C-alpha cells in the first residue's frame, strides 16, 4: 500500500498533464502505466506519469486493462472514453467521467456547497461569483500573456474593452440565472466575432457538429477544460449535479459551470490562432495544455470553488 500512497504525492491542483490517446492499448507493466502503439515492425511502449496526471481521454481504437485502471484510480486520475479528437465523451460512471473511488476526500467543501445550494437566491449569488471571476481572469490573462497579445488578444484593445465594459455590473444586477446565461452567451458570441476578425476567418459560425478546424479545436479544447473541472470537483468531493447555472437540462452541469472559468480566456483564442496557422490536433492540444499550465488554470478553478463552498461552511468541533 505504500506504493499506492506515494502516487498521490503531487496535489491535484498542481498536476501538469492531460492525455488524449487513440489507437493504442493502455496497460500496467512493471509497476507503471504504459500505452502500447503497434508499428509495422515493432510495438512501442510509452510511459504515463500518473502521479502528475489529472485526466486521461481515451479516443478511437483504444483499450484499457483492469490493472491499468486500478493504478490510475489509485493515483486519482479521471478517465473518460470519447470520440475522435476528444469529443464527445461517451461513457462513464459519474456523469461523464470514470471517477476513482475514494472514501477519504474532504467533507467541508460538499457540506458548504450543499448548505446553500437549495436556496435559489444563494445559488444565484454563487453563479454571479463564478461569472465575475471568469471576467477578471480574462482581463488579467489578456493583459499579460505576450503570445496572446501579439495575436491581438489584448484586454486594452477597443473592441475587447467594449465587450467587457460594464459586464461585471450587468452580472451583479442580474435578477435570475436566465439573465446570467444570456449575458454569458452574448459575451461569448462577441468574443467569437473578435477572434474570427483577428485571425481573418470570414463567416465563422459556432457549430458544435461542424467539421471546420476552428470549431473542431473549440470542441477539443473545451473537453480538456471539462477534464480539469471534473477533476476539481472530484477532489473536493462535490457532486457534478449540483450546478448553479447550467443545471436545467444537464445533470452533470457543475462541470460546465466550473469549466467556464477558463474556456473563453484560454481555449477560445488558441482555437482560432491554431486554426489560422493550420496546426495539427496534437499541436493545438499541446498549446492548450501549456496555456493551462502557464496561467495555473487548475489552481484557479480549485480556489474559486473552494472559496464559494467555504463561505457557507461552519466548522463545528474539531477542524476537518
Protein backbone atom coordinates (compact mmCIF):
# COMPACT_ATOMS: atom_id res chain seq x y z
CA UNK A 1 0.00 0.00 0.00
CA UNK A 2 2.93 2.37 0.43
CA UNK A 3 3.41 2.47 -3.32
CA UNK A 4 -0.23 3.48 -3.90
CA UNK A 5 0.01 6.24 -1.30
CA UNK A 6 3.15 7.62 -2.94
CA UNK A 7 1.22 8.11 -6.18
CA UNK A 8 -0.79 10.90 -4.54
CA UNK A 9 2.23 12.97 -3.52
CA UNK A 10 1.50 15.70 -6.12
CA UNK A 11 -1.56 17.77 -5.29
CA UNK A 12 -4.21 17.62 -7.99
CA UNK A 13 -4.23 21.40 -8.28
CA UNK A 14 -0.52 21.29 -9.19
CA UNK A 15 -0.62 18.43 -11.71
CA UNK A 16 0.51 19.25 -15.23
CA UNK A 17 -0.70 16.52 -17.58
CA UNK A 18 -3.84 15.70 -19.54
CA UNK A 19 -3.57 12.83 -22.04
CA UNK A 20 -5.64 12.19 -25.14
CA UNK A 21 -4.84 8.76 -26.58
CA UNK A 22 -6.01 6.92 -29.69
CA UNK A 23 -5.18 3.66 -31.47
CA UNK A 24 -3.34 2.21 -28.51
CA UNK A 25 -3.67 -0.15 -25.55
CA UNK A 26 -3.28 1.19 -22.00
CA UNK A 27 -1.79 -1.36 -19.63
CA UNK A 28 0.20 -1.87 -16.46
CA UNK A 29 3.76 -3.15 -16.79
CA UNK A 30 6.44 -3.39 -14.11
CA UNK A 31 4.51 -1.15 -11.73
CA UNK A 32 3.92 1.60 -14.32
CA UNK A 33 1.02 2.57 -16.57
CA UNK A 34 2.00 2.48 -20.24
CA UNK A 35 0.30 2.83 -23.57
CA UNK A 36 1.26 0.49 -26.37
CA UNK A 37 1.24 1.53 -30.02
CA UNK A 38 1.59 -1.03 -32.79
CA UNK A 39 4.04 -0.13 -35.54
CA UNK A 40 4.83 -2.12 -38.68
CA UNK A 41 7.97 -3.76 -37.40
CA UNK A 42 7.73 -3.35 -33.63
CA UNK A 43 5.49 -2.33 -30.77
CA UNK A 44 6.37 0.80 -28.84
CA UNK A 45 5.66 1.48 -25.16
CA UNK A 46 5.23 4.99 -23.74
CA UNK A 47 5.05 5.81 -20.05
CA UNK A 48 2.19 7.81 -18.49
CA UNK A 49 3.41 9.65 -15.36
CA UNK A 50 0.17 9.06 -13.48
CA UNK A 51 1.22 10.85 -10.28
CA UNK A 52 1.38 14.09 -12.28
CA UNK A 53 -1.72 13.48 -14.42
CA UNK A 54 -5.26 14.75 -13.90
CA UNK A 55 -7.22 13.27 -16.83
CA UNK A 56 -6.85 10.58 -19.49
CA UNK A 57 -9.16 10.80 -22.51
CA UNK A 58 -9.37 7.54 -24.49
CA UNK A 59 -10.27 8.15 -28.12
CA UNK A 60 -10.88 5.86 -31.08
CA UNK A 61 -9.19 2.47 -31.20
CA UNK A 62 -8.21 2.33 -27.51
CA UNK A 63 -8.48 -0.32 -24.83
CA UNK A 64 -7.71 -0.29 -21.12
CA UNK A 65 -6.71 -3.18 -18.86
CA UNK A 66 -8.11 -3.72 -15.39
CA UNK A 67 -4.64 -3.50 -13.85
CA UNK A 68 -4.01 -0.13 -15.51
CA UNK A 69 -7.38 1.18 -14.34
CA UNK A 70 -6.57 0.11 -10.79
CA UNK A 71 -3.33 2.08 -10.84
CA UNK A 72 -4.97 5.13 -12.45
CA UNK A 73 -7.65 5.09 -9.77
CA UNK A 74 -5.06 4.73 -7.02
CA UNK A 75 -3.34 7.87 -8.33
CA UNK A 76 -6.64 9.76 -8.53
CA UNK A 77 -6.66 10.07 -12.33
CA UNK A 78 -10.04 10.62 -14.01
CA UNK A 79 -10.68 8.59 -17.19
CA UNK A 80 -13.16 9.28 -19.98
CA UNK A 81 -13.93 7.33 -23.16
CA UNK A 82 -14.52 9.74 -26.02
CA UNK A 83 -14.79 10.05 -29.77
CA UNK A 84 -12.07 11.21 -32.13
CA UNK A 85 -10.31 14.42 -31.14
CA UNK A 86 -11.57 14.20 -27.58
CA UNK A 87 -15.26 14.79 -28.35
CA UNK A 88 -17.82 13.80 -27.40
CA UNK A 89 -17.46 11.93 -24.14
CA UNK A 90 -19.23 8.61 -24.48
CA UNK A 91 -19.28 6.74 -21.19
CA UNK A 92 -18.55 6.88 -17.51
CA UNK A 93 -19.98 6.24 -14.08
CA UNK A 94 -20.01 9.79 -12.66
CA UNK A 95 -21.95 11.88 -15.19
CA UNK A 96 -19.19 11.90 -17.79
CA UNK A 97 -16.09 10.52 -16.10
CA UNK A 98 -14.84 7.23 -14.72
CA UNK A 99 -14.10 8.67 -11.30
CA UNK A 100 -11.67 6.95 -8.91
CA UNK A 101 -13.32 5.61 -5.78
CA UNK A 102 -12.07 7.14 -2.53
CA UNK A 103 -13.64 7.37 0.91
CA UNK A 104 -11.02 9.78 2.23
CA UNK A 105 -11.66 13.07 0.49
CA UNK A 106 -12.51 16.30 2.39
CA UNK A 107 -16.09 16.84 3.56
CA UNK A 108 -16.17 20.56 4.33
CA UNK A 109 -16.49 21.58 0.67
CA UNK A 110 -19.52 19.44 -0.13
CA UNK A 111 -21.09 20.42 3.21
CA UNK A 112 -20.57 24.09 2.41
CA UNK A 113 -21.88 23.67 -1.14
CA UNK A 114 -24.97 21.79 -0.03
CA UNK A 115 -25.71 24.29 2.76
CA UNK A 116 -26.53 26.99 0.17
CA UNK A 117 -27.50 25.00 -2.91
CA UNK A 118 -31.18 24.51 -2.05
CA UNK A 119 -31.66 28.28 -1.65
CA UNK A 120 -32.36 29.77 -5.10
CA UNK A 121 -31.05 33.22 -4.18
CA UNK A 122 -27.79 31.82 -2.80
CA UNK A 123 -27.36 29.68 -5.93
CA UNK A 124 -27.75 32.84 -7.99
CA UNK A 125 -25.10 34.62 -5.90
CA UNK A 126 -22.69 31.69 -6.36
CA UNK A 127 -23.31 31.78 -10.12
CA UNK A 128 -22.58 35.52 -10.17
CA UNK A 129 -19.38 34.95 -8.23
CA UNK A 130 -18.19 32.39 -10.80
CA UNK A 131 -19.05 34.66 -13.70
CA UNK A 132 -17.28 37.69 -12.21
CA UNK A 133 -14.19 35.54 -11.53
CA UNK A 134 -14.33 34.40 -15.16
CA UNK A 135 -14.26 38.01 -16.40
CA UNK A 136 -11.48 39.03 -14.03
CA UNK A 137 -9.40 36.04 -15.13
CA UNK A 138 -9.83 37.04 -18.78
CA UNK A 139 -8.88 40.66 -18.09
CA UNK A 140 -5.77 39.53 -16.20
CA UNK A 141 -4.57 36.95 -18.74
CA UNK A 142 -5.31 39.08 -21.81
CA UNK A 143 -3.32 41.95 -20.34
CA UNK A 144 -0.13 39.99 -19.60
CA UNK A 145 0.15 36.98 -21.94
CA UNK A 146 2.61 38.19 -24.57
CA UNK A 147 1.77 35.46 -27.07
CA UNK A 148 -1.95 36.22 -26.96
CA UNK A 149 -1.34 39.96 -27.05
CA UNK A 150 0.89 39.53 -30.10
CA UNK A 151 -2.04 37.82 -31.83
CA UNK A 152 -4.38 40.69 -30.98
CA UNK A 153 -5.99 39.38 -27.79
CA UNK A 154 -5.32 42.36 -25.56
CA UNK A 155 -7.92 43.40 -22.98
CA UNK A 156 -6.99 47.05 -23.61
CA UNK A 157 -7.98 46.92 -27.29
CA UNK A 158 -11.09 48.94 -28.02
CA UNK A 159 -13.37 46.15 -29.24
CA UNK A 160 -12.41 43.79 -26.39
CA UNK A 161 -12.64 46.57 -23.79
CA UNK A 162 -16.10 47.47 -25.13
CA UNK A 163 -17.20 43.83 -24.92
CA UNK A 164 -16.10 43.65 -21.28
CA UNK A 165 -17.26 47.16 -20.36
CA UNK A 166 -19.85 47.18 -17.56
CA UNK A 167 -20.26 43.43 -17.77
CA UNK A 168 -19.46 42.91 -14.10
CA UNK A 169 -22.20 45.40 -13.22
CA UNK A 170 -24.63 43.56 -15.50
CA UNK A 171 -23.73 40.28 -13.79
CA UNK A 172 -24.18 41.78 -10.33
CA UNK A 173 -27.60 43.21 -11.28
CA UNK A 174 -28.93 40.01 -12.87
CA UNK A 175 -32.24 39.05 -11.30
CA UNK A 176 -32.18 35.38 -12.22
CA UNK A 177 -29.96 32.68 -13.66
CA UNK A 178 -31.60 33.07 -17.06
CA UNK A 179 -30.23 36.61 -17.23
CA UNK A 180 -26.74 35.35 -16.42
CA UNK A 181 -26.94 32.73 -19.16
CA UNK A 182 -27.96 35.42 -21.65
CA UNK A 183 -25.10 37.72 -20.56
CA UNK A 184 -22.66 34.80 -20.90
CA UNK A 185 -23.99 33.85 -24.35
CA UNK A 186 -23.87 37.44 -25.61
CA UNK A 187 -20.28 37.92 -24.46
CA UNK A 188 -19.06 34.64 -25.92
CA UNK A 189 -20.74 35.47 -29.25
CA UNK A 190 -18.92 38.83 -29.31
CA UNK A 191 -15.63 37.13 -28.46
CA UNK A 192 -16.12 34.65 -31.33
CA UNK A 193 -16.58 37.59 -33.70
CA UNK A 194 -13.49 39.36 -32.35
CA UNK A 195 -11.40 36.19 -32.59
CA UNK A 196 -12.59 35.49 -36.13
CA UNK A 197 -11.67 39.04 -37.16
CA UNK A 198 -8.24 38.80 -35.52
CA UNK A 199 -7.45 35.57 -37.34
CA UNK A 200 -9.17 36.56 -40.62
CA UNK A 201 -11.69 33.72 -40.62
CA UNK A 202 -14.59 35.10 -42.58
CA UNK A 203 -18.12 33.93 -41.90
CA UNK A 204 -17.32 31.91 -38.77
CA UNK A 205 -20.36 30.36 -37.09
CA UNK A 206 -20.11 28.33 -33.89
CA UNK A 207 -21.34 24.83 -34.76
CA UNK A 208 -20.55 22.00 -32.37
CA UNK A 209 -21.14 19.43 -35.12
CA UNK A 210 -19.18 21.36 -37.74
CA UNK A 211 -16.09 19.94 -39.37
CA UNK A 212 -14.16 23.20 -39.85
CA UNK A 213 -10.92 23.35 -37.94
CA UNK A 214 -11.76 26.26 -35.61
CA UNK A 215 -14.95 24.56 -34.39
CA UNK A 216 -13.10 21.26 -34.03
CA UNK A 217 -10.43 22.94 -31.89
CA UNK A 218 -13.06 24.67 -29.77
CA UNK A 219 -14.75 21.32 -29.11
CA UNK A 220 -11.46 19.64 -28.30
CA UNK A 221 -10.19 22.41 -26.04
CA UNK A 222 -13.49 22.67 -24.20
CA UNK A 223 -13.33 18.99 -23.31
CA UNK A 224 -9.84 19.49 -21.92
CA UNK A 225 -11.31 22.24 -19.72
CA UNK A 226 -14.14 19.88 -18.71
CA UNK A 227 -11.49 17.39 -17.60
CA UNK A 228 -9.90 19.97 -15.31
CA UNK A 229 -13.31 20.96 -13.93
CA UNK A 230 -14.31 17.34 -13.29
CA UNK A 231 -11.00 16.74 -11.51
CA UNK A 232 -11.52 19.81 -9.33
CA UNK A 233 -14.99 18.69 -8.26
CA UNK A 234 -13.96 15.08 -7.69
CA UNK A 235 -11.04 16.07 -5.46
CA UNK A 236 -13.22 18.46 -3.46
CA UNK A 237 -15.97 15.85 -3.20
CA UNK A 238 -18.73 17.98 -4.75
CA UNK A 239 -21.20 16.02 -6.94
CA UNK A 240 -21.39 17.23 -10.53
CA UNK A 241 -25.17 17.53 -10.48
CA UNK A 242 -25.31 20.49 -8.08
CA UNK A 243 -24.85 23.20 -10.70
CA UNK A 244 -25.55 26.88 -10.15
CA UNK A 245 -26.10 27.90 -13.79
CA UNK A 246 -26.37 25.12 -16.37
CA UNK A 247 -28.36 22.52 -14.45
CA UNK A 248 -31.80 22.89 -16.01
CA UNK A 249 -31.33 20.07 -18.51
CA UNK A 250 -27.88 18.60 -17.86
CA UNK A 251 -27.37 16.50 -14.75
CA UNK A 252 -23.61 16.97 -14.65
CA UNK A 253 -23.74 20.68 -15.32
CA UNK A 254 -21.50 21.83 -12.46
CA UNK A 255 -18.61 20.63 -14.64
CA UNK A 256 -19.72 23.16 -17.27
CA UNK A 257 -20.10 25.92 -14.68
CA UNK A 258 -16.54 25.44 -13.45
CA UNK A 259 -15.02 24.95 -16.91
CA UNK A 260 -16.50 28.31 -17.95
CA UNK A 261 -13.97 29.97 -15.65
CA UNK A 262 -11.22 29.38 -18.23
CA UNK A 263 -12.77 28.37 -21.57
CA UNK A 264 -13.21 31.78 -23.16
CA UNK A 265 -9.92 33.08 -21.77
CA UNK A 266 -7.62 30.24 -22.86
CA UNK A 267 -9.36 27.79 -25.20
CA UNK A 268 -11.20 30.27 -27.42
CA UNK A 269 -8.27 32.41 -28.60
CA UNK A 270 -5.89 29.49 -29.10
CA UNK A 271 -8.51 27.57 -31.10
CA UNK A 272 -8.71 30.43 -33.58
CA UNK A 273 -4.96 31.11 -33.61
CA UNK A 274 -4.10 27.44 -34.21
CA UNK A 275 -6.80 27.19 -36.89
CA UNK A 276 -5.26 30.19 -38.66
CA UNK A 277 -1.85 28.50 -38.53
CA UNK A 278 -3.35 25.21 -39.77
CA UNK A 279 -1.94 23.44 -36.71
CA UNK A 280 -2.45 19.74 -36.14
CA UNK A 281 -4.78 18.50 -33.44
CA UNK A 282 -1.80 17.47 -31.32
CA UNK A 283 -0.16 20.89 -31.71
CA UNK A 284 -3.36 22.61 -30.63
CA UNK A 285 -3.73 20.28 -27.64
CA UNK A 286 -0.16 20.94 -26.56
CA UNK A 287 -0.72 24.68 -26.86
CA UNK A 288 -3.88 24.46 -24.74
CA UNK A 289 -2.19 22.42 -22.04
CA UNK A 290 0.75 24.81 -22.00
CA UNK A 291 -1.66 27.73 -21.55
CA UNK A 292 -3.39 25.89 -18.69
CA UNK A 293 -0.01 25.40 -17.01
CA UNK A 294 1.29 28.92 -17.66
CA UNK A 295 -1.78 30.54 -16.13
CA UNK A 296 -2.32 27.96 -13.38
CA UNK A 297 -5.82 27.19 -14.63
CA UNK A 298 -6.34 24.20 -12.34
CA UNK A 299 -5.20 26.16 -9.28
CA UNK A 300 -7.60 28.94 -10.28
CA UNK A 301 -10.53 26.51 -10.55
CA UNK A 302 -9.75 24.96 -7.17
CA UNK A 303 -9.52 28.35 -5.47
CA UNK A 304 -12.81 29.65 -6.88
CA UNK A 305 -14.82 26.55 -5.98
CA UNK A 306 -13.25 26.31 -2.52
CA UNK A 307 -13.93 29.98 -1.82
CA UNK A 308 -17.63 29.65 -2.64
CA UNK A 309 -18.01 26.42 -0.64
CA UNK A 310 -16.19 27.68 2.44
CA UNK A 311 -18.21 30.90 2.54
CA UNK A 312 -21.13 28.74 3.58
CA UNK A 313 -19.36 26.19 5.76
CA UNK A 314 -19.30 26.44 9.51
CA UNK A 315 -16.72 24.20 11.15
CA UNK A 316 -18.07 22.53 14.26
CA UNK A 317 -15.96 20.74 16.80
CA UNK A 318 -12.55 19.63 15.58
CA UNK A 319 -11.24 21.03 12.32
CA UNK A 320 -11.76 18.74 9.35
